[in-house]
Amino acid sequence: MANVTVTDLCQVPAHRAAAAALIHGEFWTEVPGASAEGMARRLLQADRPDRIPLCLVALQGGQLVGVVNLVDNDDEDHPDWHPWLAGMVVAAPWRGQGIGSLLVRTLLQRAQALGVRRVYFGTDGPGFYTRLGAVLHQPVRADFCFMRFDLPPQGAPEAGS
């Protein structure tokens, strides 16, 4: 993971198309009407580093290698759950090197700094997130569940500290 940095997409807008293509390719290719261009338009909403929505990107040598988002809501059936971790993906050649963990930890730090106390998300890979401290929020089916990160108030010691 040498020389991987995480920054706000709004600080490096030249990477917006690559971030959109990565998210679209991982999660949206089977959704009718969805496109990488449409995702790129959605990512324009993450235009400031001090509010939700946020889009963080991992860069290595000027190349986008991963992305994660913090959005107000990612499931219209649960409007009271917010905000959500969404669209977390690491490019295939870079997986297994800690980049996803770095992205999630950075996103959670940013959420905590914004006063967020809980971050929700849906996943088919709970083990990855459990290792980072997430807990099961609601099982949905055998291959999918809703999870959450419970964040201490900003300035409070973290569990185990």
C-alpha atoms as a PDB file:
ATOM      1  CA  MET A   1       0.000   0.000   0.000  1.00  0.00           C
ATOM      2  CA  ALA A   2       3.026   2.215  -0.453  1.00  0.00           C
ATOM      3  CA  ASN A   3       2.277   5.800  -1.394  1.00  0.00           C
ATOM      4  CA  VAL A   4      -1.516   5.425  -1.349  1.00  0.00           C
ATOM      5  CA  THR A   5      -3.249   8.630  -0.321  1.00  0.00           C
ATOM      6  CA  VAL A   6      -6.913   9.291   0.402  1.00  0.00           C
ATOM      7  CA  THR A   7      -8.438  12.609  -0.522  1.00  0.00           C
ATOM      8  CA  ASP A   8     -11.799  14.166  -1.339  1.00  0.00           C
ATOM      9  CA  LEU A   9     -12.853  13.707  -4.942  1.00  0.00           C
ATOM     10  CA  CYS A  10     -13.802  17.391  -5.043  1.00  0.00           C
ATOM     11  CA  GLN A  11     -10.099  18.175  -4.495  1.00  0.00           C
ATOM     12  CA  VAL A  12      -9.062  16.022  -7.489  1.00  0.00           C
ATOM     13  CA  PRO A  13     -11.977  16.399  -9.954  1.00  0.00           C
ATOM     14  CA  ALA A  14      -9.969  14.947 -12.853  1.00  0.00           C
ATOM     15  CA  HIS A  15     -10.594  11.529 -11.244  1.00  0.00           C
ATOM     16  CA  ARG A  16     -14.400  11.847 -11.245  1.00  0.00           C
ATOM     17  CA  ALA A  17     -14.963   9.811 -14.412  1.00  0.00           C
ATOM     18  CA  ALA A  18     -12.676   7.016 -13.177  1.00  0.00           C
ATOM     19  CA  ALA A  19     -14.400   6.948  -9.771  1.00  0.00           C
ATOM     20  CA  ALA A  20     -17.807   6.826 -11.443  1.00  0.00           C
ATOM     21  CA  ALA A  21     -16.720   4.027 -13.781  1.00  0.00           C
ATOM     22  CA  LEU A  22     -15.345   2.008 -10.859  1.00  0.00           C
ATOM     23  CA  ILE A  23     -18.569   2.365  -8.844  1.00  0.00           C
ATOM     24  CA  HIS A  24     -20.799   1.710 -11.841  1.00  0.00           C
ATOM     25  CA  GLY A  25     -18.802  -1.339 -12.874  1.00  0.00           C
ATOM     26  CA  GLU A  26     -19.006  -2.880  -9.421  1.00  0.00           C
ATOM     27  CA  PHE A  27     -22.604  -2.132  -8.441  1.00  0.00           C
ATOM     28  CA  TRP A  28     -24.726  -0.738 -11.263  1.00  0.00           C
ATOM     29  CA  THR A  29     -24.093  -2.624 -14.503  1.00  0.00           C
ATOM     30  CA  GLU A  30     -27.292  -4.691 -14.135  1.00  0.00           C
ATOM     31  CA  VAL A  31     -29.500  -1.695 -13.265  1.00  0.00           C
ATOM     32  CA  PRO A  32     -31.598  -0.556 -16.243  1.00  0.00           C
ATOM     33  CA  GLY A  33     -30.843   3.022 -17.208  1.00  0.00           C
ATOM     34  CA  ALA A  34     -27.774   3.315 -14.968  1.00  0.00           C
ATOM     35  CA  SER A  35     -24.547   4.539 -16.535  1.00  0.00           C
ATOM     36  CA  ALA A  36     -21.070   5.636 -15.542  1.00  0.00           C
ATOM     37  CA  GLU A  37     -21.955   9.092 -16.862  1.00  0.00           C
ATOM     38  CA  GLY A  38     -25.004   9.216 -14.590  1.00  0.00           C
ATOM     39  CA  MET A  39     -22.855   8.183 -11.638  1.00  0.00           C
ATOM     40  CA  ALA A  40     -20.360  10.916 -12.521  1.00  0.00           C
ATOM     41  CA  ARG A  41     -23.206  13.445 -12.368  1.00  0.00           C
ATOM     42  CA  ARG A  42     -24.218  12.094  -8.946  1.00  0.00           C
ATOM     43  CA  LEU A  43     -20.650  12.436  -7.706  1.00  0.00           C
ATOM     44  CA  LEU A  44     -20.809  16.159  -8.496  1.00  0.00           C
ATOM     45  CA  GLN A  45     -22.982  16.490  -5.388  1.00  0.00           C
ATOM     46  CA  ALA A  46     -19.936  15.694  -3.229  1.00  0.00           C
ATOM     47  CA  ASP A  47     -18.594  19.177  -3.870  1.00  0.00           C
ATOM     48  CA  ARG A  48     -17.284  20.103  -0.406  1.00  0.00           C
ATOM     49  CA  PRO A  49     -15.139  18.230   2.126  1.00  0.00           C
ATOM     50  CA  ASP A  50     -17.096  19.541   5.112  1.00  0.00           C
ATOM     51  CA  ARG A  51     -20.539  18.079   4.506  1.00  0.00           C
ATOM     52  CA  ILE A  52     -22.453  15.052   3.317  1.00  0.00           C
ATOM     53  CA  PRO A  53     -22.331  13.783   0.598  1.00  0.00           C
ATOM     54  CA  LEU A  54     -18.634  12.976   0.656  1.00  0.00           C
ATOM     55  CA  CYS A  55     -16.673  11.031  -1.910  1.00  0.00           C
ATOM     56  CA  LEU A  56     -13.195   9.886  -0.930  1.00  0.00           C
ATOM     57  CA  VAL A  57     -10.751   8.424  -3.404  1.00  0.00           C
ATOM     58  CA  ALA A  58      -7.579   6.421  -2.918  1.00  0.00           C
ATOM     59  CA  LEU A  59      -4.775   7.403  -5.268  1.00  0.00           C
ATOM     60  CA  GLN A  60      -1.458   5.707  -5.968  1.00  0.00           C
ATOM     61  CA  GLY A  61       0.989   7.455  -8.240  1.00  0.00           C
ATOM     62  CA  GLY A  62      -1.769   9.639  -9.652  1.00  0.00           C
ATOM     63  CA  GLN A  63      -3.965   6.617 -10.448  1.00  0.00           C
ATOM     64  CA  LEU A  64      -7.361   6.115  -8.835  1.00  0.00           C
ATOM     65  CA  VAL A  65      -7.314   2.739  -7.052  1.00  0.00           C
ATOM     66  CA  GLY A  66     -10.407   2.962  -4.829  1.00  0.00           C
ATOM     67  CA  VAL A  67     -13.422   4.999  -3.802  1.00  0.00           C
ATOM     68  CA  VAL A  68     -15.962   5.253  -0.975  1.00  0.00           C
ATOM     69  CA  ASN A  69     -18.919   7.560  -0.370  1.00  0.00           C
ATOM     70  CA  LEU A  70     -20.858   8.901   2.580  1.00  0.00           C
ATOM     71  CA  VAL A  71     -24.394   9.736   1.438  1.00  0.00           C
ATOM     72  CA  ASP A  72     -27.492  10.851   3.309  1.00  0.00           C
ATOM     73  CA  ASN A  73     -29.490   7.745   2.421  1.00  0.00           C
ATOM     74  CA  ASP A  74     -28.957   4.685   0.263  1.00  0.00           C
ATOM     75  CA  ASP A  75     -32.232   2.811   0.877  1.00  0.00           C
ATOM     76  CA  GLU A  76     -35.617   4.462   0.450  1.00  0.00           C
ATOM     77  CA  ASP A  77     -37.203   1.725   2.595  1.00  0.00           C
ATOM     78  CA  HIS A  78     -35.245   3.041   5.590  1.00  0.00           C
ATOM     79  CA  PRO A  79     -35.431   6.840   5.441  1.00  0.00           C
ATOM     80  CA  ASP A  80     -34.626   7.160   9.150  1.00  0.00           C
ATOM     81  CA  TRP A  81     -31.242   5.445   8.737  1.00  0.00           C
ATOM     82  CA  HIS A  82     -28.632   8.019   7.806  1.00  0.00           C
ATOM     83  CA  PRO A  83     -25.966   8.596   6.712  1.00  0.00           C
ATOM     84  CA  TRP A  84     -24.827   5.616   4.665  1.00  0.00           C
ATOM     85  CA  LEU A  85     -21.476   4.294   3.551  1.00  0.00           C
ATOM     86  CA  ALA A  86     -22.010   3.579  -0.149  1.00  0.00           C
ATOM     87  CA  GLY A  87     -20.140   2.626  -3.284  1.00  0.00           C
ATOM     88  CA  MET A  88     -16.987   1.322  -1.566  1.00  0.00           C
ATOM     89  CA  VAL A  89     -14.854  -0.383  -4.168  1.00  0.00           C
ATOM     90  CA  VAL A  90     -11.165  -0.996  -4.761  1.00  0.00           C
ATOM     91  CA  ALA A  91      -9.938  -1.676  -8.295  1.00  0.00           C
ATOM     92  CA  ALA A  92      -9.332  -5.408  -8.765  1.00  0.00           C
ATOM     93  CA  PRO A  93      -5.517  -5.268  -9.081  1.00  0.00           C
ATOM     94  CA  TRP A  94      -5.316  -3.379  -5.772  1.00  0.00           C
ATOM     95  CA  ARG A  95      -7.577  -5.570  -3.629  1.00  0.00           C
ATOM     96  CA  GLY A  96      -6.194  -7.331  -0.574  1.00  0.00           C
ATOM     97  CA  GLN A  97      -3.627  -4.607   0.139  1.00  0.00           C
ATOM     98  CA  GLY A  98      -5.471  -2.664   2.849  1.00  0.00           C
ATOM     99  CA  ILE A  99      -6.817   0.082   0.601  1.00  0.00           C
ATOM    100  CA  GLY A 100     -10.462  -0.712   1.350  1.00  0.00           C
ATOM    101  CA  SER A 101      -9.739  -0.636   5.086  1.00  0.00           C
ATOM    102  CA  LEU A 102      -7.932   2.681   4.692  1.00  0.00           C
ATOM    103  CA  LEU A 103     -10.866   4.145   2.764  1.00  0.00           C
ATOM    104  CA  VAL A 104     -13.454   2.987   5.315  1.00  0.00           C
ATOM    105  CA  ARG A 105     -11.421   4.141   8.331  1.00  0.00           C
ATOM    106  CA  THR A 106     -10.841   7.539   6.731  1.00  0.00           C
ATOM    107  CA  LEU A 107     -14.535   7.863   5.900  1.00  0.00           C
ATOM    108  CA  LEU A 108     -15.494   7.014   9.490  1.00  0.00           C
ATOM    109  CA  GLN A 109     -13.047   9.591  10.852  1.00  0.00           C
ATOM    110  CA  ARG A 110     -14.547  12.199   8.560  1.00  0.00           C
ATOM    111  CA  ALA A 111     -18.094  11.211   9.557  1.00  0.00           C
ATOM    112  CA  GLN A 112     -17.169  11.463  13.230  1.00  0.00           C
ATOM    113  CA  ALA A 113     -15.655  14.914  12.657  1.00  0.00           C
ATOM    114  CA  LEU A 114     -18.999  15.957  11.123  1.00  0.00           C
ATOM    115  CA  GLY A 115     -20.791  14.850  14.309  1.00  0.00           C
ATOM    116  CA  VAL A 116     -22.187  11.610  12.886  1.00  0.00           C
ATOM    117  CA  ARG A 117     -22.806   8.946  15.533  1.00  0.00           C
ATOM    118  CA  ARG A 118     -23.871   6.018  13.334  1.00  0.00           C
ATOM    119  CA  VAL A 119     -23.140   5.027   9.716  1.00  0.00           C
ATOM    120  CA  TYR A 120     -25.331   2.433   7.967  1.00  0.00           C
ATOM    121  CA  PHE A 121     -24.643   0.291   4.924  1.00  0.00           C
ATOM    122  CA  GLY A 122     -25.742  -2.843   3.142  1.00  0.00           C
ATOM    123  CA  THR A 123     -23.315  -5.584   2.207  1.00  0.00           C
ATOM    124  CA  ASP A 124     -22.889  -9.105   0.946  1.00  0.00           C
ATOM    125  CA  GLY A 125     -19.422  -9.216   2.561  1.00  0.00           C
ATOM    126  CA  PRO A 126     -19.928  -8.569   6.284  1.00  0.00           C
ATOM    127  CA  GLY A 127     -16.625 -10.131   7.368  1.00  0.00           C
ATOM    128  CA  PHE A 128     -14.576  -7.283   5.904  1.00  0.00           C
ATOM    129  CA  TYR A 129     -16.607  -4.675   7.785  1.00  0.00           C
ATOM    130  CA  THR A 130     -16.815  -6.671  11.022  1.00  0.00           C
ATOM    131  CA  ARG A 131     -13.014  -6.613  11.167  1.00  0.00           C
ATOM    132  CA  LEU A 132     -13.241  -2.824  11.038  1.00  0.00           C
ATOM    133  CA  GLY A 133     -15.733  -2.680  13.938  1.00  0.00           C
ATOM    134  CA  ALA A 134     -19.114  -2.816  12.195  1.00  0.00           C
ATOM    135  CA  VAL A 135     -22.024  -4.653  13.784  1.00  0.00           C
ATOM    136  CA  LEU A 136     -25.017  -6.406  12.274  1.00  0.00           C
ATOM    137  CA  HIS A 137     -27.974  -4.041  12.136  1.00  0.00           C
ATOM    138  CA  GLN A 138     -30.545  -6.168  10.325  1.00  0.00           C
ATOM    139  CA  PRO A 139     -30.258  -9.429   8.394  1.00  0.00           C
ATOM    140  CA  VAL A 140     -32.084  -9.361   5.063  1.00  0.00           C
ATOM    141  CA  ARG A 141     -31.321 -12.722   3.455  1.00  0.00           C
ATOM    142  CA  ALA A 142     -28.553 -15.303   3.544  1.00  0.00           C
ATOM    143  CA  ASP A 143     -26.365 -13.316   1.140  1.00  0.00           C
ATOM    144  CA  PHE A 144     -27.079  -9.734   2.270  1.00  0.00           C
ATOM    145  CA  CYS A 145     -27.433  -7.734   5.481  1.00  0.00           C
ATOM    146  CA  PHE A 146     -27.593  -4.199   6.798  1.00  0.00           C
ATOM    147  CA  MET A 147     -24.768  -3.240   9.105  1.00  0.00           C
ATOM    148  CA  ARG A 148     -23.668  -0.142  10.949  1.00  0.00           C
ATOM    149  CA  PHE A 149     -20.695   1.529  12.541  1.00  0.00           C
ATOM    150  CA  ASP A 150     -21.387   3.150  15.914  1.00  0.00           C
ATOM    151  CA  LEU A 151     -19.073   6.127  16.327  1.00  0.00           C
ATOM    152  CA  PRO A 152     -18.101   7.749  19.619  1.00  0.00           C
ATOM    153  CA  PRO A 153     -18.691  11.490  19.922  1.00  0.00           C
ATOM    154  CA  GLN A 154     -15.823  13.527  18.500  1.00  0.00           C
ATOM    155  CA  GLY A 155     -13.088  13.828  21.121  1.00  0.00           C
ATOM    156  CA  ALA A 156     -14.297  10.786  23.101  1.00  0.00           C
ATOM    157  CA  PRO A 157     -11.816   7.942  23.528  1.00  0.00           C
ATOM    158  CA  GLU A 158     -12.413   5.013  21.223  1.00  0.00           C
ATOM    159  CA  ALA A 159     -13.359   1.629  22.663  1.00  0.00           C
ATOM    160  CA  GLY A 160     -10.292  -0.219  23.851  1.00  0.00           C
ATOM    161  CA  SER A 161      -8.229   2.977  24.230  1.00  0.00           C
END
